[in-house]
C-alpha atoms as a PDB file:
ATOM      1  CA  MET A   1      68.804   3.819  37.882  1.00  0.00           C
ATOM      2  CA  TRP A   2      70.998   6.809  36.994  1.00  0.00           C
ATOM      3  CA  LEU A   3      71.877   9.972  38.922  1.00  0.00           C
ATOM      4  CA  LEU A   4      72.284  12.985  36.638  1.00  0.00           C
ATOM      5  CA  VAL A   5      74.386  15.629  38.371  1.00  0.00           C
ATOM      6  CA  GLY A   6      74.279  19.210  37.133  1.00  0.00           C
ATOM      7  CA  ILE A   7      71.322  18.494  34.852  1.00  0.00           C
ATOM      8  CA  GLN A   8      67.841  19.893  35.401  1.00  0.00           C
ATOM      9  CA  HIS A   9      64.670  18.045  34.351  1.00  0.00           C
ATOM     10  CA  HIS A  10      63.919  20.457  31.505  1.00  0.00           C
ATOM     11  CA  GLU A  11      67.361  19.675  29.990  1.00  0.00           C
ATOM     12  CA  VAL A  12      66.537  15.979  29.537  1.00  0.00           C
ATOM     13  CA  GLU A  13      64.642  15.680  26.282  1.00  0.00           C
ATOM     14  CA  PHE A  14      65.454  12.019  25.775  1.00  0.00           C
ATOM     15  CA  PHE A  15      66.650   9.421  28.299  1.00  0.00           C
ATOM     16  CA  PRO A  16      66.722   5.816  27.044  1.00  0.00           C
ATOM     17  CA  TRP A  17      68.577   4.320  30.021  1.00  0.00           C
ATOM     18  CA  GLY A  18      65.626   3.682  32.341  1.00  0.00           C
ATOM     19  CA  LYS A  19      64.772   5.606  35.477  1.00  0.00           C
ATOM     20  CA  TYR A  20      66.828   8.592  36.538  1.00  0.00           C
ATOM     21  CA  HIS A  21      67.028  11.033  39.420  1.00  0.00           C
ATOM     22  CA  ASN A  22      68.914  14.279  39.254  1.00  0.00           C
ATOM     23  CA  LEU A  23      70.820  16.772  41.384  1.00  0.00           C
ATOM     24  CA  ASP A  24      71.044  20.481  40.626  1.00  0.00           C
ATOM     25  CA  VAL A  25      70.338  23.867  42.168  1.00  0.00           C
ATOM     26  CA  ALA A  26      66.784  23.930  40.735  1.00  0.00           C
ATOM     27  CA  ASP A  27      64.313  21.765  38.773  1.00  0.00           C
ATOM     28  CA  ALA A  28      65.694  18.526  40.207  1.00  0.00           C
ATOM     29  CA  ASP A  29      64.744  15.582  42.428  1.00  0.00           C
ATOM     30  CA  ASN A  30      67.613  16.596  44.708  1.00  0.00           C
ATOM     31  CA  ILE A  31      68.206  20.324  45.158  1.00  0.00           C
ATOM     32  CA  GLY A  32      71.694  21.240  46.301  1.00  0.00           C
ATOM     33  CA  ASN A  33      75.250  22.245  45.568  1.00  0.00           C
ATOM     34  CA  ILE A  34      77.097  19.377  43.876  1.00  0.00           C
ATOM     35  CA  PHE A  35      80.341  20.393  45.607  1.00  0.00           C
ATOM     36  CA  ASP A  36      78.799  20.386  49.097  1.00  0.00           C
ATOM     37  CA  LEU A  37      79.454  17.394  51.353  1.00  0.00           C
ATOM     38  CA  GLN A  38      76.049  17.600  53.057  1.00  0.00           C
ATOM     39  CA  THR A  39      74.296  17.370  49.685  1.00  0.00           C
ATOM     40  CA  TRP A  40      75.959  13.998  49.076  1.00  0.00           C
ATOM     41  CA  ARG A  41      75.273  12.792  52.605  1.00  0.00           C
ATOM     42  CA  ASP A  42      71.594  13.593  52.024  1.00  0.00           C
ATOM     43  CA  ILE A  43      71.589  11.654  48.733  1.00  0.00           C
ATOM     44  CA  ARG A  44      73.185   8.622  50.393  1.00  0.00           C
ATOM     45  CA  GLU A  45      70.586   8.811  53.168  1.00  0.00           C
ATOM     46  CA  ARG A  46      67.741   9.081  50.657  1.00  0.00           C
ATOM     47  CA  TYR A  47      68.788   6.312  48.231  1.00  0.00           C
ATOM     48  CA  GLY A  48      71.217   4.107  50.168  1.00  0.00           C
ATOM     49  CA  GLU A  49      74.441   2.512  49.035  1.00  0.00           C
ATOM     50  CA  LYS A  50      74.834   0.602  45.751  1.00  0.00           C
ATOM     51  CA  CYS A  51      71.665   2.045  44.237  1.00  0.00           C
ATOM     52  CA  PHE A  52      72.896   3.682  41.012  1.00  0.00           C
ATOM     53  CA  ASP A  53      74.077   2.066  37.802  1.00  0.00           C
ATOM     54  CA  CYS A  54      75.650   5.331  36.695  1.00  0.00           C
ATOM     55  CA  ILE A  55      76.362   8.791  38.060  1.00  0.00           C
ATOM     56  CA  LEU A  56      76.713  11.272  35.199  1.00  0.00           C
ATOM     57  CA  THR A  57      78.286  14.614  36.141  1.00  0.00           C
ATOM     58  CA  ASP A  58      77.748  17.493  33.745  1.00  0.00           C
ATOM     59  CA  GLY A  59      78.212  21.215  34.087  1.00  0.00           C
ATOM     60  CA  GLY A  60      80.844  23.803  34.792  1.00  0.00           C
ATOM     61  CA  LEU A  61      83.628  23.957  37.335  1.00  0.00           C
ATOM     62  CA  LEU A  62      82.329  26.997  39.227  1.00  0.00           C
ATOM     63  CA  GLY A  63      83.394  26.730  42.849  1.00  0.00           C
ATOM     64  CA  VAL A  64      85.021  23.341  42.367  1.00  0.00           C
ATOM     65  CA  LYS A  65      87.365  21.927  44.934  1.00  0.00           C
ATOM     66  CA  ARG A  66      88.419  18.414  45.743  1.00  0.00           C
ATOM     67  CA  ILE A  67      86.487  16.905  48.646  1.00  0.00           C
ATOM     68  CA  ASP A  68      87.652  13.346  49.227  1.00  0.00           C
ATOM     69  CA  GLU A  69      84.573  12.354  51.240  1.00  0.00           C
ATOM     70  CA  VAL A  70      82.319  13.323  48.293  1.00  0.00           C
ATOM     71  CA  ILE A  71      84.332  10.946  46.090  1.00  0.00           C
ATOM     72  CA  ARG A  72      83.926   8.157  48.653  1.00  0.00           C
ATOM     73  CA  ILE A  73      80.172   8.759  48.917  1.00  0.00           C
ATOM     74  CA  LYS A  74      79.736   8.796  45.124  1.00  0.00           C
ATOM     75  CA  ASN A  75      81.653   5.503  44.922  1.00  0.00           C
ATOM     76  CA  SER A  76      79.449   3.979  47.636  1.00  0.00           C
ATOM     77  CA  LEU A  77      76.302   5.003  45.738  1.00  0.00           C
ATOM     78  CA  LEU A  78      77.359   2.931  42.711  1.00  0.00           C
ATOM     79  CA  LYS A  79      76.378  -0.683  42.222  1.00  0.00           C
ATOM     80  CA  ASP A  80      79.371  -3.034  41.978  1.00  0.00           C
ATOM     81  CA  ASP A  81      79.233  -2.946  38.164  1.00  0.00           C
ATOM     82  CA  GLY A  82      78.360   0.774  38.099  1.00  0.00           C
ATOM     83  CA  TYR A  83      80.372   3.608  36.670  1.00  0.00           C
ATOM     84  CA  ILE A  84      80.883   7.350  36.669  1.00  0.00           C
ATOM     85  CA  LEU A  85      80.502   9.486  33.547  1.00  0.00           C
ATOM     86  CA  ASN A  86      82.450  12.730  34.009  1.00  0.00           C
ATOM     87  CA  TYR A  87      82.862  15.571  31.557  1.00  0.00           C
ATOM     88  CA  THR A  88      86.512  15.826  32.573  1.00  0.00           C
ATOM     89  CA  SER A  89      88.941  13.272  33.996  1.00  0.00           C
ATOM     90  CA  ILE A  90      92.486  11.989  33.778  1.00  0.00           C
ATOM     91  CA  ILE A  91      91.334   8.367  33.944  1.00  0.00           C
ATOM     92  CA  GLY A  92      88.648   6.420  32.140  1.00  0.00           C
ATOM     93  CA  GLU A  93      87.565   5.718  28.587  1.00  0.00           C
ATOM     94  CA  ILE A  94      86.225   8.508  26.352  1.00  0.00           C
ATOM     95  CA  VAL A  95      82.587   7.880  25.359  1.00  0.00           C
ATOM     96  CA  GLU A  96      79.826   9.840  23.642  1.00  0.00           C
ATOM     97  CA  ASP A  97      77.240  11.782  25.603  1.00  0.00           C
ATOM     98  CA  PRO A  98      74.391   9.431  26.629  1.00  0.00           C
ATOM     99  CA  LEU A  99      72.001  12.385  26.276  1.00  0.00           C
ATOM    100  CA  GLN A 100      73.067  12.519  22.623  1.00  0.00           C
ATOM    101  CA  ARG A 101      74.137  16.147  22.594  1.00  0.00           C
ATOM    102  CA  PRO A 102      76.411  16.839  19.618  1.00  0.00           C
ATOM    103  CA  GLU A 103      80.144  17.205  20.192  1.00  0.00           C
ATOM    104  CA  VAL A 104      79.953  16.362  23.900  1.00  0.00           C
ATOM    105  CA  THR A 105      82.099  13.546  25.270  1.00  0.00           C
ATOM    106  CA  PHE A 106      82.538  12.040  28.708  1.00  0.00           C
ATOM    107  CA  PHE A 107      85.007   9.837  30.527  1.00  0.00           C
ATOM    108  CA  LYS A 108      83.550   6.489  31.638  1.00  0.00           C
ATOM    109  CA  ILE A 109      85.165   5.377  34.896  1.00  0.00           C
ATOM    110  CA  PRO A 110      84.255   1.992  36.423  1.00  0.00           C
ATOM    111  CA  LYS A 111      83.511   1.996  40.154  1.00  0.00           C
ATOM    112  CA  LYS A 112      86.728   0.127  40.976  1.00  0.00           C
ATOM    113  CA  GLN A 113      88.768   2.904  39.299  1.00  0.00           C
ATOM    114  CA  TYR A 114      86.768   5.807  40.725  1.00  0.00           C
ATOM    115  CA  THR A 115      88.845   6.113  43.879  1.00  0.00           C
ATOM    116  CA  ILE A 116      91.100   8.763  45.340  1.00  0.00           C
ATOM    117  CA  GLU A 117      94.048   6.361  45.137  1.00  0.00           C
ATOM    118  CA  GLU A 118      93.535   5.662  41.400  1.00  0.00           C
ATOM    119  CA  HIS A 119      93.261   9.372  40.655  1.00  0.00           C
ATOM    120  CA  ASP A 120      96.338  10.243  42.729  1.00  0.00           C
ATOM    121  CA  ARG A 121      98.317   7.523  40.958  1.00  0.00           C
ATOM    122  CA  ALA A 122      97.298   8.943  37.579  1.00  0.00           C
ATOM    123  CA  TYR A 123      98.225  12.472  38.684  1.00  0.00           C
ATOM    124  CA  MET A 124     101.678  11.296  39.762  1.00  0.00           C
ATOM    125  CA  ASP A 125     102.237   9.954  36.226  1.00  0.00           C
ATOM    126  CA  LEU A 126     100.746  12.987  34.462  1.00  0.00           C
ATOM    127  CA  LYS A 127     103.143  14.881  32.222  1.00  0.00           C
ATOM    128  CA  SER A 128     101.215  17.652  30.570  1.00  0.00           C
ATOM    129  CA  SER A 129     102.268  20.282  28.084  1.00  0.00           C
ATOM    130  CA  THR A 130      98.848  21.932  27.692  1.00  0.00           C
ATOM    131  CA  TRP A 131      97.358  24.682  29.824  1.00  0.00           C
ATOM    132  CA  SER A 132      94.313  22.575  30.765  1.00  0.00           C
ATOM    133  CA  GLY A 133      96.521  19.608  31.614  1.00  0.00           C
ATOM    134  CA  LYS A 134      98.702  21.737  33.880  1.00  0.00           C
ATOM    135  CA  LEU A 135      95.564  23.115  35.571  1.00  0.00           C
ATOM    136  CA  LYS A 136      94.238  19.579  36.177  1.00  0.00           C
ATOM    137  CA  GLU A 137      97.652  18.619  37.519  1.00  0.00           C
ATOM    138  CA  ARG A 138      97.645  21.474  40.062  1.00  0.00           C
ATOM    139  CA  LEU A 139      94.008  21.039  41.131  1.00  0.00           C
ATOM    140  CA  LYS A 140      94.155  17.251  41.311  1.00  0.00           C
ATOM    141  CA  LEU A 141      90.562  17.509  40.222  1.00  0.00           C
ATOM    142  CA  ILE A 142      88.195  14.621  40.837  1.00  0.00           C
ATOM    143  CA  VAL A 143      84.623  15.400  39.850  1.00  0.00           C
END
């Protein structure tokens, strides 16, 4: 089972990966703000730990801020062999969009790497010369 974050039902034309649930501000199984801690607590309460094969996060960075407890909850929601697909990251392997949208890529991050410690370690080693890299460096963004 997958959790699609920032994707409404009407945006999913094709989903070959089995059952999915989604989280968004409207037209979703779970209505809420993806950057709100209570939203994630409610999802954990509803589905339990180790229930998702993948959590795919799509969408913009409006109102984004790092909330460590959200990262911990998302990690706990993943099965042991699960992974995160993020539209932006400083760790993980670049993969194509599973929803098969053209020119969209994601970063695939295994559960064991999707931790605050792994991200902080990567940020300490980050040497960026681009504007977006410097922004990531300052925000220490984990989505």
